[in-house]
Amino acid sequence: MSAVYWITGLAGAGKTTIGKLFYERLKESCPNTVFLDGDLLRQVFGDDLGYSESDRRKCAMRYSRLCRMLQQQGINVVCCTISMFDEIREWNRENIVGYAEIYLKVGMEVLAMRDQKGLYSGNTAEKDGRVTGIHIAYEEPKSPDLVLINDGAKKPEEQVEIMMSWLRGAGKQETV
């Protein structure tokens, strides 16, 4: 059966880096696997939504519905997105068969040090300059299937090994 691996966390948490590596490993044994990333999906959908709370909700629901559609067609999905709303993650749990939520937890001080997109320093091209977790509330996932502390103590490849071990263990809820 196919599944959706919803990798969530704040900007700079390592979602895309770890998600791509996880996708590559998963694809070795499950060739029917696709990789989706929030930044790329915005472009695919025509970059027609802004960054207001309402637009972010619409955007997140697009991702959820796309993931469900792909999963229903027997495709495994690795989707990396901030996914800042509990209601979206709850919708996923209720509407996507094989939904697994993986939360990359990173402290604000680590995110500010990484600041790959200039979001935390204010040097960003983001349209409204409002950053999730600073200017916009982030509803931290309440019951993710796997929590990875991604503070830099483990390399991305090590995080993926943890994910693969978790997957082999039938995906029981875990914090690592």
N, C-alpha and C. Protein backbone atom coordinates (compact mmCIF):
# COMPACT_ATOMS: atom_id res chain seq x y z
N MET A 1 0.84 -1.19 0.00
CA MET A 1 0.00 0.00 0.00
C MET A 1 0.88 1.25 0.00
N SER A 2 0.45 2.24 -0.73
CA SER A 2 1.20 3.49 -0.80
C SER A 2 0.94 4.34 0.44
N ALA A 3 1.81 5.33 0.63
CA ALA A 3 1.73 6.17 1.82
C ALA A 3 2.13 7.60 1.48
N VAL A 4 1.78 8.51 2.38
CA VAL A 4 2.21 9.90 2.30
C VAL A 4 3.07 10.17 3.52
N TYR A 5 4.31 10.58 3.28
CA TYR A 5 5.23 10.95 4.35
C TYR A 5 5.28 12.47 4.36
N TRP A 6 4.60 13.05 5.31
CA TRP A 6 4.43 14.51 5.42
C TRP A 6 5.51 15.02 6.36
N ILE A 7 6.55 15.62 5.79
CA ILE A 7 7.67 16.10 6.59
C ILE A 7 7.46 17.59 6.84
N THR A 8 7.33 17.92 8.13
CA THR A 8 6.98 19.28 8.50
C THR A 8 7.99 19.86 9.49
N GLY A 9 8.01 21.16 9.57
CA GLY A 9 8.91 21.89 10.46
C GLY A 9 9.03 23.31 9.94
N LEU A 10 9.63 24.16 10.72
CA LEU A 10 9.78 25.56 10.34
C LEU A 10 10.77 25.71 9.18
N ALA A 11 10.79 26.88 8.58
CA ALA A 11 11.74 27.19 7.51
C ALA A 11 13.16 27.01 8.05
N GLY A 12 13.98 26.29 7.31
CA GLY A 12 15.35 26.06 7.73
C GLY A 12 15.54 24.84 8.62
N ALA A 13 14.47 24.09 8.86
CA ALA A 13 14.55 22.91 9.74
C ALA A 13 15.25 21.73 9.06
N GLY A 14 15.38 21.79 7.74
CA GLY A 14 16.03 20.70 7.01
C GLY A 14 15.06 19.80 6.26
N LYS A 15 13.83 20.26 6.10
CA LYS A 15 12.80 19.45 5.45
C LYS A 15 13.22 19.00 4.06
N THR A 16 13.64 19.92 3.22
CA THR A 16 13.99 19.59 1.84
C THR A 16 15.22 18.70 1.78
N THR A 17 16.25 19.04 2.52
CA THR A 17 17.49 18.25 2.51
C THR A 17 17.22 16.82 2.97
N ILE A 18 16.60 16.67 4.12
CA ILE A 18 16.33 15.33 4.66
C ILE A 18 15.27 14.63 3.82
N GLY A 19 14.25 15.38 3.39
CA GLY A 19 13.19 14.80 2.57
C GLY A 19 13.70 14.24 1.27
N LYS A 20 14.61 14.94 0.59
CA LYS A 20 15.17 14.44 -0.68
C LYS A 20 15.96 13.16 -0.45
N LEU A 21 16.75 13.16 0.60
CA LEU A 21 17.54 11.95 0.91
C LEU A 21 16.63 10.78 1.26
N PHE A 22 15.58 11.04 2.03
CA PHE A 22 14.60 10.00 2.37
C PHE A 22 13.91 9.49 1.12
N TYR A 23 13.51 10.40 0.25
CA TYR A 23 12.89 10.05 -1.03
C TYR A 23 13.81 9.12 -1.84
N GLU A 24 15.07 9.48 -1.95
CA GLU A 24 16.02 8.67 -2.72
C GLU A 24 16.15 7.26 -2.14
N ARG A 25 16.20 7.16 -0.82
CA ARG A 25 16.29 5.84 -0.17
C ARG A 25 15.01 5.04 -0.37
N LEU A 26 13.87 5.68 -0.19
CA LEU A 26 12.58 5.02 -0.34
C LEU A 26 12.37 4.55 -1.77
N LYS A 27 12.79 5.36 -2.72
CA LYS A 27 12.61 5.05 -4.15
C LYS A 27 13.39 3.80 -4.56
N GLU A 28 14.46 3.49 -3.85
CA GLU A 28 15.24 2.28 -4.16
C GLU A 28 14.37 1.03 -4.05
N SER A 29 13.51 0.98 -3.04
CA SER A 29 12.66 -0.20 -2.85
C SER A 29 11.22 0.04 -3.31
N CYS A 30 10.85 1.29 -3.49
CA CYS A 30 9.49 1.65 -3.93
C CYS A 30 9.59 2.64 -5.09
N PRO A 31 9.78 2.15 -6.30
CA PRO A 31 9.98 3.06 -7.43
C PRO A 31 8.80 4.00 -7.70
N ASN A 32 7.63 3.67 -7.18
CA ASN A 32 6.45 4.51 -7.37
C ASN A 32 6.39 5.61 -6.31
N THR A 33 7.49 6.32 -6.13
CA THR A 33 7.60 7.35 -5.10
C THR A 33 7.91 8.69 -5.75
N VAL A 34 7.23 9.74 -5.28
CA VAL A 34 7.48 11.09 -5.78
C VAL A 34 7.89 12.00 -4.62
N PHE A 35 8.59 13.07 -4.97
CA PHE A 35 9.04 14.07 -4.00
C PHE A 35 8.34 15.39 -4.29
N LEU A 36 7.71 15.96 -3.27
CA LEU A 36 7.06 17.27 -3.39
C LEU A 36 7.64 18.20 -2.33
N ASP A 37 7.83 19.44 -2.70
CA ASP A 37 8.39 20.43 -1.78
C ASP A 37 7.54 21.69 -1.85
N GLY A 38 7.24 22.27 -0.70
CA GLY A 38 6.37 23.43 -0.62
C GLY A 38 6.79 24.58 -1.53
N ASP A 39 8.06 24.92 -1.56
CA ASP A 39 8.51 26.04 -2.40
C ASP A 39 8.28 25.74 -3.89
N LEU A 40 8.59 24.51 -4.30
CA LEU A 40 8.39 24.13 -5.70
C LEU A 40 6.90 24.03 -6.04
N LEU A 41 6.10 23.52 -5.10
CA LEU A 41 4.67 23.40 -5.35
C LEU A 41 4.01 24.77 -5.55
N ARG A 42 4.48 25.77 -4.83
CA ARG A 42 3.94 27.12 -5.04
C ARG A 42 4.12 27.52 -6.50
N GLN A 43 5.29 27.24 -7.06
CA GLN A 43 5.56 27.57 -8.46
C GLN A 43 4.69 26.74 -9.40
N VAL A 44 4.57 25.44 -9.11
CA VAL A 44 3.78 24.54 -9.95
C VAL A 44 2.33 25.02 -10.02
N PHE A 45 1.79 25.50 -8.91
CA PHE A 45 0.42 25.98 -8.87
C PHE A 45 0.29 27.42 -9.36
N GLY A 46 1.34 27.98 -9.91
CA GLY A 46 1.28 29.31 -10.52
C GLY A 46 1.61 30.46 -9.59
N ASP A 47 2.10 30.15 -8.39
CA ASP A 47 2.50 31.19 -7.43
C ASP A 47 1.41 32.25 -7.30
N ASP A 48 0.15 31.79 -7.26
CA ASP A 48 -0.98 32.71 -7.26
C ASP A 48 -1.47 33.07 -5.86
N LEU A 49 -0.89 32.47 -4.83
CA LEU A 49 -1.31 32.76 -3.47
C LEU A 49 -0.19 33.49 -2.73
N GLY A 50 -0.59 34.40 -1.87
CA GLY A 50 0.38 35.15 -1.08
C GLY A 50 0.73 34.41 0.19
N TYR A 51 1.07 35.16 1.22
CA TYR A 51 1.52 34.58 2.48
C TYR A 51 0.63 34.95 3.66
N SER A 52 -0.57 35.44 3.37
CA SER A 52 -1.52 35.72 4.45
C SER A 52 -1.94 34.38 5.05
N GLU A 53 -2.54 34.42 6.22
CA GLU A 53 -2.99 33.18 6.86
C GLU A 53 -3.99 32.45 5.96
N SER A 54 -4.90 33.17 5.37
CA SER A 54 -5.90 32.57 4.49
C SER A 54 -5.24 31.91 3.27
N ASP A 55 -4.31 32.61 2.64
CA ASP A 55 -3.62 32.04 1.48
C ASP A 55 -2.77 30.83 1.87
N ARG A 56 -2.15 30.89 3.02
CA ARG A 56 -1.34 29.76 3.48
C ARG A 56 -2.22 28.52 3.71
N ARG A 57 -3.42 28.72 4.24
CA ARG A 57 -4.35 27.61 4.44
C ARG A 57 -4.77 27.00 3.10
N LYS A 58 -5.09 27.86 2.14
CA LYS A 58 -5.47 27.39 0.80
C LYS A 58 -4.33 26.60 0.17
N CYS A 59 -3.15 27.12 0.30
CA CYS A 59 -1.96 26.48 -0.26
C CYS A 59 -1.75 25.10 0.38
N ALA A 60 -1.85 25.04 1.70
CA ALA A 60 -1.66 23.78 2.41
C ALA A 60 -2.71 22.75 2.00
N MET A 61 -3.94 23.18 1.81
CA MET A 61 -4.99 22.24 1.39
C MET A 61 -4.72 21.74 -0.02
N ARG A 62 -4.16 22.57 -0.88
CA ARG A 62 -3.79 22.10 -2.22
C ARG A 62 -2.79 20.94 -2.10
N TYR A 63 -1.80 21.13 -1.25
CA TYR A 63 -0.78 20.09 -1.08
C TYR A 63 -1.41 18.81 -0.54
N SER A 64 -2.29 18.96 0.45
CA SER A 64 -2.94 17.80 1.05
C SER A 64 -3.77 17.04 0.02
N ARG A 65 -4.55 17.76 -0.75
CA ARG A 65 -5.40 17.11 -1.76
C ARG A 65 -4.57 16.45 -2.85
N LEU A 66 -3.48 17.08 -3.25
CA LEU A 66 -2.60 16.48 -4.24
C LEU A 66 -1.99 15.19 -3.70
N CYS A 67 -1.52 15.25 -2.46
CA CYS A 67 -0.94 14.05 -1.84
C CYS A 67 -1.97 12.92 -1.77
N ARG A 68 -3.19 13.26 -1.39
CA ARG A 68 -4.24 12.23 -1.31
C ARG A 68 -4.50 11.63 -2.69
N MET A 69 -4.60 12.48 -3.70
CA MET A 69 -4.85 11.99 -5.05
C MET A 69 -3.75 11.03 -5.51
N LEU A 70 -2.51 11.40 -5.28
CA LEU A 70 -1.39 10.55 -5.69
C LEU A 70 -1.40 9.24 -4.91
N GLN A 71 -1.62 9.32 -3.59
CA GLN A 71 -1.66 8.11 -2.76
C GLN A 71 -2.77 7.18 -3.21
N GLN A 72 -3.92 7.73 -3.58
CA GLN A 72 -5.04 6.91 -4.04
C GLN A 72 -4.73 6.20 -5.35
N GLN A 73 -3.74 6.69 -6.07
CA GLN A 73 -3.33 6.06 -7.33
C GLN A 73 -2.13 5.13 -7.14
N GLY A 74 -1.82 4.83 -5.87
CA GLY A 74 -0.76 3.87 -5.58
C GLY A 74 0.63 4.45 -5.58
N ILE A 75 0.73 5.75 -5.41
CA ILE A 75 2.04 6.41 -5.43
C ILE A 75 2.41 6.82 -4.01
N ASN A 76 3.64 6.54 -3.60
CA ASN A 76 4.17 7.02 -2.33
C ASN A 76 4.58 8.47 -2.52
N VAL A 77 4.29 9.29 -1.52
CA VAL A 77 4.59 10.71 -1.60
C VAL A 77 5.44 11.12 -0.41
N VAL A 78 6.54 11.80 -0.70
CA VAL A 78 7.33 12.46 0.34
C VAL A 78 7.07 13.95 0.12
N CYS A 79 6.34 14.57 1.04
CA CYS A 79 5.96 15.97 0.90
C CYS A 79 6.59 16.79 2.03
N CYS A 80 7.39 17.76 1.66
CA CYS A 80 8.08 18.62 2.62
C CYS A 80 7.44 20.00 2.62
N THR A 81 6.84 20.36 3.75
CA THR A 81 6.11 21.63 3.82
C THR A 81 6.04 22.11 5.27
N ILE A 82 6.00 23.41 5.47
CA ILE A 82 5.91 23.95 6.83
C ILE A 82 4.66 23.42 7.52
N SER A 83 3.55 23.40 6.83
CA SER A 83 2.31 22.82 7.38
C SER A 83 2.05 23.35 8.79
N MET A 84 1.77 24.62 8.87
CA MET A 84 1.71 25.31 10.15
C MET A 84 0.39 25.20 10.90
N PHE A 85 -0.61 24.55 10.31
CA PHE A 85 -1.93 24.50 10.92
C PHE A 85 -2.32 23.09 11.36
N ASP A 86 -2.77 22.98 12.60
CA ASP A 86 -3.26 21.69 13.11
C ASP A 86 -4.38 21.15 12.24
N GLU A 87 -5.28 22.02 11.80
CA GLU A 87 -6.44 21.55 11.03
C GLU A 87 -6.04 20.87 9.73
N ILE A 88 -4.95 21.28 9.13
CA ILE A 88 -4.47 20.65 7.89
C ILE A 88 -3.94 19.25 8.20
N ARG A 89 -3.12 19.16 9.24
CA ARG A 89 -2.57 17.85 9.61
C ARG A 89 -3.69 16.90 10.06
N GLU A 90 -4.70 17.43 10.75
CA GLU A 90 -5.85 16.60 11.15
C GLU A 90 -6.61 16.12 9.92
N TRP A 91 -6.80 17.02 8.95
CA TRP A 91 -7.47 16.64 7.70
C TRP A 91 -6.69 15.51 7.03
N ASN A 92 -5.39 15.65 7.00
CA ASN A 92 -4.55 14.60 6.39
C ASN A 92 -4.78 13.26 7.08
N ARG A 93 -4.75 13.24 8.40
CA ARG A 93 -4.95 12.00 9.14
C ARG A 93 -6.30 11.37 8.85
N GLU A 94 -7.31 12.19 8.69
CA GLU A 94 -8.67 11.69 8.46
C GLU A 94 -8.93 11.30 7.01
N ASN A 95 -8.17 11.87 6.07
CA ASN A 95 -8.50 11.71 4.65
C ASN A 95 -7.43 11.03 3.79
N ILE A 96 -6.27 10.79 4.34
CA ILE A 96 -5.20 10.17 3.55
C ILE A 96 -4.84 8.84 4.18
N VAL A 97 -5.06 7.76 3.43
CA VAL A 97 -4.69 6.43 3.89
C VAL A 97 -3.16 6.35 3.88
N GLY A 98 -2.59 5.80 4.94
CA GLY A 98 -1.14 5.65 4.99
C GLY A 98 -0.41 6.96 5.27
N TYR A 99 -1.09 7.90 5.92
CA TYR A 99 -0.47 9.18 6.25
C TYR A 99 0.48 9.02 7.43
N ALA A 100 1.70 9.52 7.27
CA ALA A 100 2.70 9.50 8.34
C ALA A 100 3.30 10.90 8.46
N GLU A 101 3.23 11.45 9.66
CA GLU A 101 3.72 12.81 9.90
C GLU A 101 5.08 12.75 10.58
N ILE A 102 6.04 13.41 9.97
CA ILE A 102 7.40 13.45 10.49
C ILE A 102 7.74 14.91 10.77
N TYR A 103 7.99 15.19 12.02
CA TYR A 103 8.24 16.57 12.46
C TYR A 103 9.73 16.77 12.72
N LEU A 104 10.33 17.71 11.99
CA LEU A 104 11.72 18.08 12.22
C LEU A 104 11.72 19.25 13.19
N LYS A 105 12.07 18.96 14.40
CA LYS A 105 12.03 19.96 15.47
C LYS A 105 13.40 20.61 15.60
N VAL A 106 13.40 21.92 15.50
CA VAL A 106 14.65 22.69 15.58
C VAL A 106 14.36 23.95 16.38
N GLY A 107 15.24 24.26 17.32
CA GLY A 107 15.09 25.47 18.13
C GLY A 107 15.32 26.73 17.31
N MET A 108 14.69 27.80 17.74
CA MET A 108 14.77 29.08 17.03
C MET A 108 16.22 29.57 16.91
N GLU A 109 17.04 29.33 17.94
CA GLU A 109 18.44 29.78 17.88
C GLU A 109 19.21 29.07 16.77
N VAL A 110 18.93 27.80 16.54
CA VAL A 110 19.58 27.04 15.46
C VAL A 110 19.07 27.54 14.11
N LEU A 111 17.77 27.77 14.01
CA LEU A 111 17.20 28.28 12.76
C LEU A 111 17.80 29.63 12.41
N ALA A 112 17.96 30.49 13.40
CA ALA A 112 18.53 31.82 13.15
C ALA A 112 19.98 31.72 12.70
N MET A 113 20.71 30.75 13.25
CA MET A 113 22.12 30.55 12.83
C MET A 113 22.18 30.04 11.39
N ARG A 114 21.31 29.12 11.02
CA ARG A 114 21.30 28.56 9.67
C ARG A 114 20.87 29.63 8.66
N ASP A 115 19.72 30.21 8.90
CA ASP A 115 19.14 31.31 8.12
C ASP A 115 19.45 31.24 6.62
N GLN A 116 19.24 30.06 6.02
CA GLN A 116 19.60 29.85 4.62
C GLN A 116 18.87 30.77 3.65
N LYS A 117 17.64 31.12 3.95
CA LYS A 117 16.86 31.95 3.04
C LYS A 117 16.80 33.41 3.48
N GLY A 118 17.52 33.75 4.54
CA GLY A 118 17.50 35.11 5.04
C GLY A 118 16.21 35.47 5.77
N LEU A 119 15.42 34.47 6.11
CA LEU A 119 14.14 34.73 6.76
C LEU A 119 14.28 35.28 8.16
N TYR A 120 15.22 34.74 8.91
CA TYR A 120 15.34 35.11 10.32
C TYR A 120 16.15 36.39 10.53
N SER A 121 16.93 36.77 9.52
CA SER A 121 17.69 38.01 9.62
C SER A 121 16.92 39.19 9.01
N GLY A 122 15.81 38.87 8.34
CA GLY A 122 15.03 39.93 7.69
C GLY A 122 15.47 40.21 6.27
N ASN A 123 16.50 39.51 5.80
CA ASN A 123 17.00 39.68 4.44
C ASN A 123 16.35 38.65 3.53
N THR A 124 15.08 38.82 3.26
CA THR A 124 14.34 37.82 2.52
C THR A 124 13.60 38.41 1.34
N ALA A 125 13.36 37.56 0.38
CA ALA A 125 12.55 37.97 -0.76
C ALA A 125 11.09 37.62 -0.52
N GLU A 126 10.79 37.02 0.63
CA GLU A 126 9.41 36.65 0.95
C GLU A 126 8.53 37.89 0.83
N LYS A 127 7.42 37.73 0.18
CA LYS A 127 6.61 38.87 -0.24
C LYS A 127 6.15 39.79 0.89
N ASP A 128 5.77 39.24 2.02
CA ASP A 128 5.29 40.13 3.07
C ASP A 128 6.24 40.24 4.24
N GLY A 129 7.38 39.55 4.19
CA GLY A 129 8.38 39.65 5.23
C GLY A 129 7.98 39.04 6.56
N ARG A 130 6.84 38.34 6.59
CA ARG A 130 6.36 37.72 7.83
C ARG A 130 6.80 36.27 7.86
N VAL A 131 7.47 35.90 8.93
CA VAL A 131 8.07 34.59 9.05
C VAL A 131 7.27 33.72 10.02
N THR A 132 6.94 32.51 9.56
CA THR A 132 6.24 31.57 10.43
C THR A 132 7.14 31.22 11.61
N GLY A 133 6.57 31.26 12.79
CA GLY A 133 7.32 30.98 14.00
C GLY A 133 7.80 32.24 14.69
N ILE A 134 7.84 33.35 13.95
CA ILE A 134 8.23 34.65 14.52
C ILE A 134 7.04 35.61 14.46
N HIS A 135 6.62 35.96 13.24
CA HIS A 135 5.53 36.91 13.05
C HIS A 135 4.17 36.22 12.94
N ILE A 136 4.18 34.97 12.53
CA ILE A 136 2.95 34.20 12.33
C ILE A 136 3.03 32.96 13.21
N ALA A 137 1.97 32.72 13.94
CA ALA A 137 1.95 31.57 14.85
C ALA A 137 2.14 30.26 14.10
N TYR A 138 2.91 29.39 14.71
CA TYR A 138 3.13 28.04 14.19
C TYR A 138 2.53 27.08 15.20
N GLU A 139 1.56 26.32 14.76
CA GLU A 139 0.94 25.32 15.62
C GLU A 139 1.81 24.07 15.56
N GLU A 140 2.63 23.91 16.57
CA GLU A 140 3.55 22.77 16.60
C GLU A 140 2.74 21.47 16.55
N PRO A 141 3.16 20.51 15.71
CA PRO A 141 2.43 19.25 15.60
C PRO A 141 2.20 18.61 16.97
N LYS A 142 0.97 18.19 17.21
CA LYS A 142 0.57 17.63 18.51
C LYS A 142 0.87 16.14 18.62
N SER A 143 0.74 15.41 17.53
CA SER A 143 0.95 13.96 17.61
C SER A 143 1.60 13.40 16.34
N PRO A 144 2.78 13.92 16.01
CA PRO A 144 3.46 13.38 14.83
C PRO A 144 3.86 11.92 15.07
N ASP A 145 4.01 11.19 14.00
CA ASP A 145 4.41 9.79 14.10
C ASP A 145 5.89 9.65 14.44
N LEU A 146 6.67 10.62 14.00
CA LEU A 146 8.11 10.61 14.29
C LEU A 146 8.56 12.05 14.48
N VAL A 147 9.31 12.29 15.55
CA VAL A 147 9.91 13.60 15.80
C VAL A 147 11.42 13.43 15.72
N LEU A 148 12.03 14.19 14.84
CA LEU A 148 13.49 14.19 14.72
C LEU A 148 14.01 15.54 15.23
N ILE A 149 14.89 15.49 16.21
CA ILE A 149 15.55 16.72 16.67
C ILE A 149 16.67 16.97 15.68
N ASN A 150 16.53 18.05 14.92
CA ASN A 150 17.50 18.33 13.86
C ASN A 150 18.30 19.59 14.19
N ASP A 151 19.04 19.51 15.28
CA ASP A 151 19.82 20.65 15.76
C ASP A 151 21.26 20.66 15.25
N GLY A 152 21.59 19.74 14.36
CA GLY A 152 22.93 19.67 13.80
C GLY A 152 23.80 18.60 14.43
N ALA A 153 23.32 17.98 15.50
CA ALA A 153 24.10 16.92 16.14
C ALA A 153 24.21 15.69 15.25
N LYS A 154 23.23 15.50 14.37
CA LYS A 154 23.24 14.37 13.43
C LYS A 154 23.26 14.92 12.02
N LYS A 155 24.00 14.26 11.15
CA LYS A 155 24.02 14.62 9.74
C LYS A 155 22.69 14.23 9.11
N PRO A 156 22.32 14.89 8.00
CA PRO A 156 21.07 14.52 7.32
C PRO A 156 20.99 13.03 7.00
N GLU A 157 22.10 12.43 6.61
CA GLU A 157 22.11 10.99 6.29
C GLU A 157 21.78 10.15 7.52
N GLU A 158 22.23 10.61 8.68
CA GLU A 158 21.91 9.89 9.92
C GLU A 158 20.43 10.03 10.26
N GLN A 159 19.87 11.19 10.00
CA GLN A 159 18.43 11.38 10.23
C GLN A 159 17.62 10.45 9.33
N VAL A 160 18.07 10.31 8.09
CA VAL A 160 17.37 9.42 7.15
C VAL A 160 17.49 7.97 7.61
N GLU A 161 18.63 7.59 8.15
CA GLU A 161 18.76 6.23 8.70
C GLU A 161 17.76 5.99 9.82
N ILE A 162 17.57 7.00 10.66
CA ILE A 162 16.58 6.90 11.74
C ILE A 162 15.19 6.72 11.13
N MET A 163 14.90 7.50 10.09
CA MET A 163 13.60 7.40 9.43
C MET A 163 13.39 6.01 8.83
N MET A 164 14.41 5.48 8.20
CA MET A 164 14.29 4.15 7.58
C MET A 164 14.11 3.08 8.65
N SER A 165 14.81 3.19 9.77
CA SER A 165 14.63 2.24 10.88
C SER A 165 13.23 2.34 11.44
N TRP A 166 12.75 3.57 11.60
CA TRP A 166 11.39 3.80 12.08
C TRP A 166 10.38 3.15 11.13
N LEU A 167 10.62 3.30 9.85
CA LEU A 167 9.73 2.74 8.84
C LEU A 167 9.72 1.20 8.92
N ARG A 168 10.88 0.61 9.09
CA ARG A 168 10.98 -0.86 9.22
C ARG A 168 10.29 -1.34 10.49
N GLY A 169 10.23 -0.49 11.50
CA GLY A 169 9.58 -0.84 12.77
C GLY A 169 8.08 -0.57 12.73
N ALA A 170 7.50 -0.54 11.53
CA ALA A 170 6.07 -0.34 11.32
C ALA A 170 5.60 1.05 11.72
N GLY A 171 6.51 2.00 11.78
CA GLY A 171 6.15 3.39 11.99
C GLY A 171 5.49 3.70 13.33
N LYS A 172 5.93 3.04 14.37
CA LYS A 172 5.37 3.38 15.69
C LYS A 172 5.82 4.79 16.08
N GLN A 173 5.01 5.47 16.88
CA GLN A 173 5.31 6.85 17.27
C GLN A 173 6.62 6.91 18.07
N GLU A 174 7.45 7.89 17.71
CA GLU A 174 8.78 7.93 18.30
C GLU A 174 9.35 9.34 18.25
N THR A 175 10.20 9.67 19.22
CA THR A 175 10.96 10.92 19.22
C THR A 175 12.43 10.56 19.29
N VAL A 176 13.20 11.08 18.33
CA VAL A 176 14.63 10.77 18.29
C VAL A 176 15.40 12.07 18.13
